[in-house]
Amino acid sequence: MPAAARRSTSLTLDARLLDEAKALGVNVSRAAEEGVALAIRTARTRHWREENAEAIADYNRFVERGRPALSDRRKF
């Protein structure tokens, strides 16, 4: 799989964090990229949960009322 295209950008960071990262040899660009990727995953998860909250609640009520879906086909 080819590497993702990279683009230069400008960030403003807390000076103490940047100094410590440099002192510890942290690749700030990669660390920032990982942080942005985590923020994106978190936001997507939150949006998915918001969009599907009603369906999840409906399913949970269904399970609480009786048998889970396809329970009549289970062998255990």
PDB file of N, CA and C in Angstrom:
ATOM      1  N   MET A   1       0.858  -1.173   0.000  1.00  0.00           N
ATOM      2  CA  MET A   1       0.000   0.000   0.000  1.00  0.00           C
ATOM      3  C   MET A   1       0.900   1.231   0.000  1.00  0.00           C
ATOM      4  N   PRO A   2       0.660   2.174  -0.887  1.00  0.00           N
ATOM      5  CA  PRO A   2       1.508   3.367  -0.945  1.00  0.00           C
ATOM      6  C   PRO A   2       1.329   4.240   0.294  1.00  0.00           C
ATOM      7  N   ALA A   3       2.391   4.937   0.637  1.00  0.00           N
ATOM      8  CA  ALA A   3       2.341   5.830   1.796  1.00  0.00           C
ATOM      9  C   ALA A   3       1.361   6.965   1.530  1.00  0.00           C
ATOM     10  N   ALA A   4       0.704   7.417   2.584  1.00  0.00           N
ATOM     11  CA  ALA A   4      -0.239   8.527   2.459  1.00  0.00           C
ATOM     12  C   ALA A   4       0.518   9.796   2.094  1.00  0.00           C
ATOM     13  N   ALA A   5      -0.112  10.618   1.280  1.00  0.00           N
ATOM     14  CA  ALA A   5       0.491  11.901   0.925  1.00  0.00           C
ATOM     15  C   ALA A   5       0.582  12.752   2.180  1.00  0.00           C
ATOM     16  N   ARG A   6       1.672  13.428   2.313  1.00  0.00           N
ATOM     17  CA  ARG A   6       1.883  14.261   3.493  1.00  0.00           C
ATOM     18  C   ARG A   6       1.848  15.717   3.063  1.00  0.00           C
ATOM     19  N   ARG A   7       1.371  16.563   3.960  1.00  0.00           N
ATOM     20  CA  ARG A   7       1.275  17.980   3.678  1.00  0.00           C
ATOM     21  C   ARG A   7       1.808  18.757   4.869  1.00  0.00           C
ATOM     22  N   SER A   8       2.562  19.780   4.583  1.00  0.00           N
ATOM     23  CA  SER A   8       3.123  20.630   5.628  1.00  0.00           C
ATOM     24  C   SER A   8       2.035  21.534   6.193  1.00  0.00           C
ATOM     25  N   THR A   9       2.104  21.772   7.497  1.00  0.00           N
ATOM     26  CA  THR A   9       1.155  22.668   8.151  1.00  0.00           C
ATOM     27  C   THR A   9       1.852  23.372   9.298  1.00  0.00           C
ATOM     28  N   SER A  10       1.214  24.346   9.861  1.00  0.00           N
ATOM     29  CA  SER A  10       1.772  25.105  10.972  1.00  0.00           C
ATOM     30  C   SER A  10       0.926  24.848  12.209  1.00  0.00           C
ATOM     31  N   LEU A  11       1.576  24.578  13.335  1.00  0.00           N
ATOM     32  CA  LEU A  11       0.887  24.339  14.601  1.00  0.00           C
ATOM     33  C   LEU A  11       1.426  25.274  15.660  1.00  0.00           C
ATOM     34  N   THR A  12       0.580  25.641  16.576  1.00  0.00           N
ATOM     35  CA  THR A  12       1.019  26.384  17.751  1.00  0.00           C
ATOM     36  C   THR A  12       0.898  25.436  18.936  1.00  0.00           C
ATOM     37  N   LEU A  13       2.008  25.204  19.614  1.00  0.00           N
ATOM     38  CA  LEU A  13       2.041  24.263  20.729  1.00  0.00           C
ATOM     39  C   LEU A  13       2.541  24.960  21.982  1.00  0.00           C
ATOM     40  N   ASP A  14       2.173  24.388  23.114  1.00  0.00           N
ATOM     41  CA  ASP A  14       2.680  24.867  24.399  1.00  0.00           C
ATOM     42  C   ASP A  14       4.205  24.752  24.371  1.00  0.00           C
ATOM     43  N   ALA A  15       4.893  25.834  24.670  1.00  0.00           N
ATOM     44  CA  ALA A  15       6.357  25.881  24.572  1.00  0.00           C
ATOM     45  C   ALA A  15       7.020  24.825  25.460  1.00  0.00           C
ATOM     46  N   ARG A  16       6.479  24.618  26.647  1.00  0.00           N
ATOM     47  CA  ARG A  16       7.076  23.623  27.553  1.00  0.00           C
ATOM     48  C   ARG A  16       6.960  22.222  26.974  1.00  0.00           C
ATOM     49  N   LEU A  17       5.811  21.926  26.390  1.00  0.00           N
ATOM     50  CA  LEU A  17       5.638  20.602  25.773  1.00  0.00           C
ATOM     51  C   LEU A  17       6.607  20.407  24.617  1.00  0.00           C
ATOM     52  N   LEU A  18       6.733  21.427  23.786  1.00  0.00           N
ATOM     53  CA  LEU A  18       7.634  21.339  22.644  1.00  0.00           C
ATOM     54  C   LEU A  18       9.078  21.161  23.094  1.00  0.00           C
ATOM     55  N   ASP A  19       9.490  21.918  24.104  1.00  0.00           N
ATOM     56  CA  ASP A  19      10.859  21.798  24.623  1.00  0.00           C
ATOM     57  C   ASP A  19      11.121  20.399  25.173  1.00  0.00           C
ATOM     58  N   GLU A  20      10.174  19.888  25.937  1.00  0.00           N
ATOM     59  CA  GLU A  20      10.360  18.554  26.521  1.00  0.00           C
ATOM     60  C   GLU A  20      10.373  17.482  25.436  1.00  0.00           C
ATOM     61  N   ALA A  21       9.495  17.620  24.461  1.00  0.00           N
ATOM     62  CA  ALA A  21       9.460  16.649  23.361  1.00  0.00           C
ATOM     63  C   ALA A  21      10.798  16.617  22.640  1.00  0.00           C
ATOM     64  N   LYS A  22      11.337  17.793  22.347  1.00  0.00           N
ATOM     65  CA  LYS A  22      12.634  17.850  21.673  1.00  0.00           C
ATOM     66  C   LYS A  22      13.726  17.248  22.541  1.00  0.00           C
ATOM     67  N   ALA A  23      13.721  17.542  23.839  1.00  0.00           N
ATOM     68  CA  ALA A  23      14.733  17.006  24.759  1.00  0.00           C
ATOM     69  C   ALA A  23      14.668  15.482  24.826  1.00  0.00           C
ATOM     70  N   LEU A  24      13.478  14.943  24.689  1.00  0.00           N
ATOM     71  CA  LEU A  24      13.305  13.488  24.768  1.00  0.00           C
ATOM     72  C   LEU A  24      13.414  12.798  23.417  1.00  0.00           C
ATOM     73  N   GLY A  25      13.621  13.574  22.373  1.00  0.00           N
ATOM     74  CA  GLY A  25      13.760  12.995  21.044  1.00  0.00           C
ATOM     75  C   GLY A  25      12.450  12.562  20.412  1.00  0.00           C
ATOM     76  N   VAL A  26      11.352  13.153  20.854  1.00  0.00           N
ATOM     77  CA  VAL A  26      10.038  12.819  20.303  1.00  0.00           C
ATOM     78  C   VAL A  26       9.899  13.473  18.930  1.00  0.00           C
ATOM     79  N   ASN A  27       9.452  12.720  17.961  1.00  0.00           N
ATOM     80  CA  ASN A  27       9.169  13.255  16.639  1.00  0.00           C
ATOM     81  C   ASN A  27       7.832  13.992  16.744  1.00  0.00           C
ATOM     82  N   VAL A  28       7.890  15.303  16.836  1.00  0.00           N
ATOM     83  CA  VAL A  28       6.704  16.114  17.093  1.00  0.00           C
ATOM     84  C   VAL A  28       5.689  15.985  15.964  1.00  0.00           C
ATOM     85  N   SER A  29       6.143  15.929  14.737  1.00  0.00           N
ATOM     86  CA  SER A  29       5.217  15.787  13.611  1.00  0.00           C
ATOM     87  C   SER A  29       4.437  14.485  13.716  1.00  0.00           C
ATOM     88  N   ARG A  30       5.130  13.399  13.984  1.00  0.00           N
ATOM     89  CA  ARG A  30       4.448  12.096  14.105  1.00  0.00           C
ATOM     90  C   ARG A  30       3.533  12.073  15.315  1.00  0.00           C
ATOM     91  N   ALA A  31       3.984  12.656  16.420  1.00  0.00           N
ATOM     92  CA  ALA A  31       3.148  12.692  17.624  1.00  0.00           C
ATOM     93  C   ALA A  31       1.875  13.493  17.360  1.00  0.00           C
ATOM     94  N   ALA A  32       2.008  14.619  16.664  1.00  0.00           N
ATOM     95  CA  ALA A  32       0.838  15.430  16.337  1.00  0.00           C
ATOM     96  C   ALA A  32      -0.096  14.656  15.405  1.00  0.00           C
ATOM     97  N   GLU A  33       0.477  13.967  14.433  1.00  0.00           N
ATOM     98  CA  GLU A  33      -0.321  13.178  13.499  1.00  0.00           C
ATOM     99  C   GLU A  33      -1.101  12.087  14.235  1.00  0.00           C
ATOM    100  N   GLU A  34      -0.439  11.418  15.162  1.00  0.00           N
ATOM    101  CA  GLU A  34      -1.111  10.380  15.944  1.00  0.00           C
ATOM    102  C   GLU A  34      -2.226  10.984  16.793  1.00  0.00           C
ATOM    103  N   GLY A  35      -1.974  12.163  17.357  1.00  0.00           N
ATOM    104  CA  GLY A  35      -2.997  12.836  18.153  1.00  0.00           C
ATOM    105  C   GLY A  35      -4.200  13.232  17.322  1.00  0.00           C
ATOM    106  N   VAL A  36      -3.965  13.731  16.123  1.00  0.00           N
ATOM    107  CA  VAL A  36      -5.066  14.106  15.228  1.00  0.00           C
ATOM    108  C   VAL A  36      -5.837  12.857  14.806  1.00  0.00           C
ATOM    109  N   ALA A  37      -5.129  11.780  14.502  1.00  0.00           N
ATOM    110  CA  ALA A  37      -5.791  10.531  14.120  1.00  0.00           C
ATOM    111  C   ALA A  37      -6.679  10.024  15.263  1.00  0.00           C
ATOM    112  N   LEU A  38      -6.186  10.104  16.499  1.00  0.00           N
ATOM    113  CA  LEU A  38      -6.985   9.691  17.655  1.00  0.00           C
ATOM    114  C   LEU A  38      -8.205  10.591  17.819  1.00  0.00           C
ATOM    115  N   ALA A  39      -8.037  11.889  17.636  1.00  0.00           N
ATOM    116  CA  ALA A  39      -9.170  12.820  17.738  1.00  0.00           C
ATOM    117  C   ALA A  39     -10.225  12.517  16.685  1.00  0.00           C
ATOM    118  N   ILE A  40      -9.790  12.156  15.483  1.00  0.00           N
ATOM    119  CA  ILE A  40     -10.726  11.806  14.408  1.00  0.00           C
ATOM    120  C   ILE A  40     -11.489  10.531  14.771  1.00  0.00           C
ATOM    121  N   ARG A  41     -10.773   9.502  15.244  1.00  0.00           N
ATOM    122  CA  ARG A  41     -11.451   8.251  15.638  1.00  0.00           C
ATOM    123  C   ARG A  41     -12.463   8.511  16.747  1.00  0.00           C
ATOM    124  N   THR A  42     -12.082   9.334  17.712  1.00  0.00           N
ATOM    125  CA  THR A  42     -12.975   9.661  18.828  1.00  0.00           C
ATOM    126  C   THR A  42     -14.217  10.388  18.334  1.00  0.00           C
ATOM    127  N   ALA A  43     -14.037  11.366  17.449  1.00  0.00           N
ATOM    128  CA  ALA A  43     -15.170  12.123  16.916  1.00  0.00           C
ATOM    129  C   ALA A  43     -16.076  11.233  16.079  1.00  0.00           C
ATOM    130  N   ARG A  44     -15.491  10.353  15.263  1.00  0.00           N
ATOM    131  CA  ARG A  44     -16.310   9.434  14.454  1.00  0.00           C
ATOM    132  C   ARG A  44     -17.120   8.509  15.344  1.00  0.00           C
ATOM    133  N   THR A  45     -16.492   8.004  16.403  1.00  0.00           N
ATOM    134  CA  THR A  45     -17.192   7.123  17.339  1.00  0.00           C
ATOM    135  C   THR A  45     -18.344   7.864  17.999  1.00  0.00           C
ATOM    136  N   ARG A  46     -18.086   9.085  18.454  1.00  0.00           N
ATOM    137  CA  ARG A  46     -19.130   9.887  19.099  1.00  0.00           C
ATOM    138  C   ARG A  46     -20.289  10.136  18.129  1.00  0.00           C
ATOM    139  N   HIS A  47     -19.967  10.509  16.895  1.00  0.00           N
ATOM    140  CA  HIS A  47     -21.021  10.757  15.904  1.00  0.00           C
ATOM    141  C   HIS A  47     -21.814   9.491  15.616  1.00  0.00           C
ATOM    142  N   TRP A  48     -21.119   8.355  15.478  1.00  0.00           N
ATOM    143  CA  TRP A  48     -21.809   7.102  15.206  1.00  0.00           C
ATOM    144  C   TRP A  48     -22.764   6.769  16.347  1.00  0.00           C
ATOM    145  N   ARG A  49     -22.288   6.947  17.587  1.00  0.00           N
ATOM    146  CA  ARG A  49     -23.144   6.645  18.747  1.00  0.00           C
ATOM    147  C   ARG A  49     -24.352   7.566  18.793  1.00  0.00           C
ATOM    148  N   GLU A  50     -24.144   8.847  18.473  1.00  0.00           N
ATOM    149  CA  GLU A  50     -25.266   9.788  18.445  1.00  0.00           C
ATOM    150  C   GLU A  50     -26.266   9.412  17.359  1.00  0.00           C
ATOM    151  N   GLU A  51     -25.768   9.063  16.173  1.00  0.00           N
ATOM    152  CA  GLU A  51     -26.639   8.718  15.055  1.00  0.00           C
ATOM    153  C   GLU A  51     -27.410   7.416  15.297  1.00  0.00           C
ATOM    154  N   ASN A  52     -26.824   6.508  16.066  1.00  0.00           N
ATOM    155  CA  ASN A  52     -27.421   5.191  16.271  1.00  0.00           C
ATOM    156  C   ASN A  52     -27.992   4.987  17.663  1.00  0.00           C
ATOM    157  N   ALA A  53     -28.048   6.044  18.463  1.00  0.00           N
ATOM    158  CA  ALA A  53     -28.514   5.932  19.851  1.00  0.00           C
ATOM    159  C   ALA A  53     -29.924   5.360  19.930  1.00  0.00           C
ATOM    160  N   GLU A  54     -30.806   5.799  19.060  1.00  0.00           N
ATOM    161  CA  GLU A  54     -32.183   5.326  19.102  1.00  0.00           C
ATOM    162  C   GLU A  54     -32.266   3.832  18.779  1.00  0.00           C
ATOM    163  N   ALA A  55     -31.544   3.392  17.766  1.00  0.00           N
ATOM    164  CA  ALA A  55     -31.559   1.973  17.394  1.00  0.00           C
ATOM    165  C   ALA A  55     -30.955   1.118  18.505  1.00  0.00           C
ATOM    166  N   ILE A  56     -29.899   1.602  19.121  1.00  0.00           N
ATOM    167  CA  ILE A  56     -29.274   0.852  20.215  1.00  0.00           C
ATOM    168  C   ILE A  56     -30.229   0.757  21.401  1.00  0.00           C
ATOM    169  N   ALA A  57     -30.894   1.864  21.716  1.00  0.00           N
ATOM    170  CA  ALA A  57     -31.865   1.853  22.811  1.00  0.00           C
ATOM    171  C   ALA A  57     -33.015   0.905  22.505  1.00  0.00           C
ATOM    172  N   ASP A  58     -33.501   0.911  21.262  1.00  0.00           N
ATOM    173  CA  ASP A  58     -34.572  -0.009  20.869  1.00  0.00           C
ATOM    174  C   ASP A  58     -34.137  -1.459  21.038  1.00  0.00           C
ATOM    175  N   TYR A  59     -32.919  -1.771  20.599  1.00  0.00           N
ATOM    176  CA  TYR A  59     -32.424  -3.143  20.727  1.00  0.00           C
ATOM    177  C   TYR A  59     -32.285  -3.533  22.201  1.00  0.00           C
ATOM    178  N   ASN A  60     -31.758  -2.631  23.005  1.00  0.00           N
ATOM    179  CA  ASN A  60     -31.604  -2.924  24.432  1.00  0.00           C
ATOM    180  C   ASN A  60     -32.962  -3.180  25.090  1.00  0.00           C
ATOM    181  N   ARG A  61     -33.987  -2.409  24.717  1.00  0.00           N
ATOM    182  CA  ARG A  61     -35.332  -2.651  25.249  1.00  0.00           C
ATOM    183  C   ARG A  61     -35.857  -4.008  24.797  1.00  0.00           C
ATOM    184  N   PHE A  62     -35.588  -4.366  23.547  1.00  0.00           N
ATOM    185  CA  PHE A  62     -36.000  -5.666  23.019  1.00  0.00           C
ATOM    186  C   PHE A  62     -35.379  -6.797  23.829  1.00  0.00           C
ATOM    187  N   VAL A  63     -34.098  -6.701  24.101  1.00  0.00           N
ATOM    188  CA  VAL A  63     -33.393  -7.737  24.855  1.00  0.00           C
ATOM    189  C   VAL A  63     -33.915  -7.798  26.281  1.00  0.00           C
ATOM    190  N   GLU A  64     -34.169  -6.642  26.882  1.00  0.00           N
ATOM    191  CA  GLU A  64     -34.666  -6.615  28.263  1.00  0.00           C
ATOM    192  C   GLU A  64     -36.056  -7.246  28.381  1.00  0.00           C
ATOM    193  N   ARG A  65     -36.867  -7.152  27.325  1.00  0.00           N
ATOM    194  CA  ARG A  65     -38.230  -7.695  27.348  1.00  0.00           C
ATOM    195  C   ARG A  65     -38.268  -9.208  27.205  1.00  0.00           C
ATOM    196  N   GLY A  66     -37.226  -9.771  26.701  1.00  0.00           N
ATOM    197  CA  GLY A  66     -37.301 -11.216  26.486  1.00  0.00           C
ATOM    198  C   GLY A  66     -36.018 -11.768  25.931  1.00  0.00           C
ATOM    199  N   ARG A  67     -36.199 -12.538  24.883  1.00  0.00           N
ATOM    200  CA  ARG A  67     -35.058 -13.241  24.315  1.00  0.00           C
ATOM    201  C   ARG A  67     -34.314 -12.360  23.310  1.00  0.00           C
ATOM    202  N   PRO A  68     -32.994 -12.528  23.240  1.00  0.00           N
ATOM    203  CA  PRO A  68     -32.214 -11.824  22.209  1.00  0.00           C
ATOM    204  C   PRO A  68     -32.571 -12.342  20.819  1.00  0.00           C
ATOM    205  N   ALA A  69     -32.261 -11.570  19.822  1.00  0.00           N
ATOM    206  CA  ALA A  69     -32.541 -11.961  18.442  1.00  0.00           C
ATOM    207  C   ALA A  69     -31.912 -13.309  18.126  1.00  0.00           C
ATOM    208  N   LEU A  70     -32.660 -14.156  17.413  1.00  0.00           N
ATOM    209  CA  LEU A  70     -32.229 -15.482  16.955  1.00  0.00           C
ATOM    210  C   LEU A  70     -31.971 -16.473  18.089  1.00  0.00           C
ATOM    211  N   SER A  71     -32.442 -16.169  19.294  1.00  0.00           N
ATOM    212  CA  SER A  71     -32.184 -17.084  20.406  1.00  0.00           C
ATOM    213  C   SER A  71     -32.871 -18.446  20.190  1.00  0.00           C
ATOM    214  N   ASP A  72     -33.935 -18.478  19.393  1.00  0.00           N
ATOM    215  CA  ASP A  72     -34.597 -19.745  19.112  1.00  0.00           C
ATOM    216  C   ASP A  72     -33.777 -20.648  18.224  1.00  0.00           C
ATOM    217  N   ARG A  73     -32.746 -20.140  17.596  1.00  0.00           N
ATOM    218  CA  ARG A  73     -31.891 -20.931  16.702  1.00  0.00           C
ATOM    219  C   ARG A  73     -30.589 -21.385  17.382  1.00  0.00           C
ATOM    220  N   ARG A  74     -30.372 -20.962  18.578  1.00  0.00           N
ATOM    221  CA  ARG A  74     -29.134 -21.313  19.284  1.00  0.00           C
ATOM    222  C   ARG A  74     -29.176 -22.756  19.747  1.00  0.00           C
ATOM    223  N   LYS A  75     -27.998 -23.369  19.783  1.00  0.00           N
ATOM    224  CA  LYS A  75     -27.874 -24.757  20.206  1.00  0.00           C
ATOM    225  C   LYS A  75     -27.436 -24.880  21.675  1.00  0.00           C
ATOM    226  N   PHE A  76     -27.220 -23.739  22.348  1.00  0.00           N
ATOM    227  CA  PHE A  76     -26.759 -23.788  23.740  1.00  0.00           C
ATOM    228  C   PHE A  76     -27.762 -23.164  24.668  1.00  0.00           C
TER     229      PHE A  76
END
